[in-house]
Amino acid sequence: MERDKKCILDSASKIRLLQNLALAWDGQWFIKTAEQFGTDQATALNQAVGKAIQRIVARMSLKAWKKEKAVDFEDAGHMIRGMLDWSQGHFWRANFEIAKESIHIEVALCPFYEGAKQAKLERTDQACLNCADAWSTWIDAFLPGQKANVIHLSKMSEGSATCLIHLEKA
């Protein structure tokens, strides 16, 4: 019996499929939780889970890169960019300006904001709640003990064309 080769995916297609699955899973979890417990409760739970996942993804990245931690703040910025590239893939588009003591990010495509719009949620700002803590969580995960001042200069959920985020070494 011959296998149908149309049912076999190449590595890039598998990665894209898993990224799609992860985003769909996240979105459905939020929607079903909101339906059962209300938006406020779902948002609070989503933030708690989001913070835990942020650390898990950072640790998974370090393990995959065979690194214990970043060398310095600038290296942590490159790690964040690399981590978002593999974990968010085609859903994520951003430009990074990484310097010795600062990181400036302009996000043009955010999977969480796009998902909130597509799901026609009553509020799309829930997509931004995990982002508020993510950057400092990632800096601390990649460079333990290092604090970062995070300034959100603009947000797509507030009508801006892009999100502008600035991190400074504290």
Protein backbone atom coordinates (compact mmCIF):
# COMPACT_ATOMS: atom_id res chain seq x y z
CA MET A 1 0.00 0.00 0.00
CA GLU A 2 1.49 3.32 -1.07
CA ARG A 3 1.31 6.36 1.19
CA ASP A 4 -0.39 9.46 -0.12
CA LYS A 5 2.48 11.94 -0.30
CA LYS A 6 0.00 14.85 -0.25
CA CYS A 7 -0.55 14.10 3.45
CA ILE A 8 3.12 14.57 4.36
CA LEU A 9 4.24 18.05 5.38
CA ASP A 10 7.70 19.53 5.06
CA SER A 11 9.34 20.99 8.19
CA ALA A 12 8.42 24.60 7.38
CA SER A 13 4.75 23.64 6.88
CA LYS A 14 4.74 21.74 10.18
CA ILE A 15 6.14 24.74 12.02
CA ARG A 16 3.56 27.07 10.46
CA LEU A 17 0.77 24.62 11.30
CA LEU A 18 1.90 24.38 14.93
CA GLN A 19 2.11 28.18 15.19
CA ASN A 20 -1.44 28.42 13.81
CA LEU A 21 -2.60 25.77 16.27
CA ALA A 22 -1.01 27.55 19.23
CA LEU A 23 -2.67 30.85 18.32
CA ALA A 24 -6.05 29.19 17.73
CA TRP A 25 -5.76 27.31 21.04
CA ASP A 26 -4.94 30.55 22.89
CA GLY A 27 -7.83 32.39 21.27
CA GLN A 28 -10.37 29.65 21.87
CA TRP A 29 -9.25 29.29 25.48
CA PHE A 30 -9.88 32.99 26.06
CA ILE A 31 -13.24 33.04 24.25
CA LYS A 32 -14.60 29.95 26.04
CA THR A 33 -13.35 31.20 29.41
CA ALA A 34 -15.00 34.58 28.79
CA GLU A 35 -18.27 32.89 27.82
CA GLN A 36 -18.27 30.80 31.00
CA PHE A 37 -16.85 33.24 33.57
CA GLY A 38 -17.08 36.70 31.98
CA THR A 39 -14.51 38.87 30.24
CA ASP A 40 -12.96 40.29 33.42
CA GLN A 41 -12.32 36.83 34.88
CA ALA A 42 -11.02 35.52 31.53
CA THR A 43 -8.70 38.51 31.22
CA ALA A 44 -7.27 37.99 34.74
CA LEU A 45 -6.69 34.28 34.07
CA ASN A 46 -5.18 35.04 30.68
CA GLN A 47 -2.69 37.45 32.26
CA ALA A 48 -1.61 34.88 34.86
CA VAL A 49 -1.17 32.16 32.24
CA GLY A 50 0.53 34.60 29.87
CA LYS A 51 3.20 35.52 32.41
CA ALA A 52 3.95 31.83 33.04
CA ILE A 53 4.10 31.07 29.30
CA GLN A 54 6.43 34.04 28.71
CA ARG A 55 8.97 32.52 31.10
CA ILE A 56 8.52 29.01 29.65
CA VAL A 57 9.13 30.22 26.09
CA ALA A 58 12.24 32.14 27.22
CA ARG A 59 13.62 29.04 29.02
CA MET A 60 12.84 26.86 25.99
CA SER A 61 14.73 29.34 23.80
CA LEU A 62 17.78 29.32 26.07
CA LYS A 63 17.78 25.53 26.08
CA ALA A 64 17.49 25.35 22.27
CA TRP A 65 20.34 27.86 21.90
CA LYS A 66 22.39 25.92 24.50
CA LYS A 67 22.86 29.08 26.55
CA GLU A 68 22.40 29.72 30.25
CA LYS A 69 21.68 33.43 29.95
CA ALA A 70 22.39 36.57 27.97
CA VAL A 71 25.81 38.19 28.15
CA ASP A 72 24.36 41.68 28.64
CA PHE A 73 21.28 43.84 28.00
CA GLU A 74 22.02 44.11 24.28
CA ASP A 75 22.36 40.32 23.98
CA ALA A 76 19.03 39.92 25.82
CA GLY A 77 17.46 42.17 23.17
CA HIS A 78 18.76 39.92 20.40
CA MET A 79 17.43 36.89 22.29
CA ILE A 80 13.97 38.46 22.56
CA ARG A 81 13.95 39.16 18.83
CA GLY A 82 15.06 35.57 18.06
CA MET A 83 12.54 34.07 20.46
CA LEU A 84 9.65 36.03 18.96
CA ASP A 85 10.77 35.04 15.50
CA TRP A 86 10.52 31.30 16.23
CA SER A 87 7.53 31.43 18.56
CA GLN A 88 5.32 33.89 16.68
CA GLY A 89 6.59 33.27 13.15
CA HIS A 90 4.50 34.62 10.32
CA PHE A 91 2.02 36.22 12.75
CA TRP A 92 4.60 38.67 14.00
CA ARG A 93 6.33 41.56 12.23
CA ALA A 94 8.50 43.99 14.12
CA ASN A 95 11.61 46.08 13.70
CA PHE A 96 14.13 46.11 16.52
CA GLU A 97 16.77 48.74 17.24
CA ILE A 98 19.02 47.14 19.83
CA ALA A 99 21.74 49.12 21.60
CA LYS A 100 23.92 48.59 24.65
CA GLU A 101 21.37 49.93 27.15
CA SER A 102 18.13 50.28 25.18
CA ILE A 103 15.85 48.37 22.87
CA HIS A 104 13.27 50.03 20.64
CA ILE A 105 10.61 47.87 19.00
CA GLU A 106 8.08 48.88 16.36
CA VAL A 107 5.43 46.18 15.99
CA ALA A 108 3.61 46.21 12.66
CA LEU A 109 1.76 42.90 13.07
CA CYS A 110 0.74 41.38 16.41
CA PRO A 111 -0.96 37.98 16.51
CA PHE A 112 -2.85 38.72 19.71
CA TYR A 113 -4.28 42.02 18.52
CA GLU A 114 -5.17 40.54 15.12
CA GLY A 115 -6.82 37.58 16.85
CA ALA A 116 -8.88 39.86 19.09
CA LYS A 117 -10.09 41.81 16.04
CA GLN A 118 -10.86 38.63 14.09
CA ALA A 119 -12.82 37.20 17.03
CA LYS A 120 -14.80 40.46 17.18
CA LEU A 121 -14.21 40.77 20.92
CA GLU A 122 -16.03 43.65 22.57
CA ARG A 123 -12.60 45.05 23.50
CA THR A 124 -9.34 44.50 21.64
CA ASP A 125 -7.17 45.96 24.40
CA GLN A 126 -7.10 42.56 26.18
CA ALA A 127 -4.56 41.57 23.55
CA CYS A 128 -2.21 44.22 24.96
CA LEU A 129 -2.46 43.27 28.63
CA ASN A 130 0.14 40.50 28.51
CA CYS A 131 2.44 42.70 26.46
CA ALA A 132 2.67 45.19 29.32
CA ASP A 133 4.66 42.72 31.45
CA ALA A 134 6.18 40.53 28.74
CA TRP A 135 9.20 42.69 27.92
CA SER A 136 10.46 43.00 31.49
CA THR A 137 9.67 39.31 32.10
CA TRP A 138 11.79 38.34 29.09
CA ILE A 139 14.69 40.63 30.09
CA ASP A 140 14.67 39.03 33.55
CA ALA A 141 14.42 35.51 32.09
CA PHE A 142 17.35 36.06 29.74
CA LEU A 143 19.41 38.20 32.12
CA PRO A 144 18.37 37.23 35.68
CA GLY A 145 18.18 40.16 38.09
CA GLN A 146 18.31 42.78 35.34
CA LYS A 147 15.41 45.19 35.45
CA ALA A 148 14.11 47.17 32.50
CA ASN A 149 12.00 50.28 32.28
CA VAL A 150 9.32 49.61 29.67
CA ILE A 151 7.54 52.47 27.96
CA HIS A 152 4.65 51.82 25.56
CA LEU A 153 4.71 54.85 23.29
CA SER A 154 1.79 53.75 21.11
CA LYS A 155 -0.59 50.81 20.76
CA MET A 156 -2.55 49.49 17.81
CA SER A 157 -5.46 48.76 20.17
CA GLU A 158 -5.65 52.51 20.81
CA GLY A 159 -5.77 53.40 17.13
CA SER A 160 -2.08 53.69 16.26
CA ALA A 161 -0.78 52.12 13.05
CA THR A 162 1.95 50.33 15.04
CA CYS A 163 2.91 49.59 18.62
CA LEU A 164 6.03 51.38 19.76
CA ILE A 165 7.78 49.94 22.78
CA HIS A 166 10.96 51.28 24.35
CA LEU A 167 13.02 49.36 26.90
CA GLU A 168 15.81 50.94 28.91
CA LYS A 169 18.25 49.19 31.18
CA ALA A 170 17.24 50.11 34.74
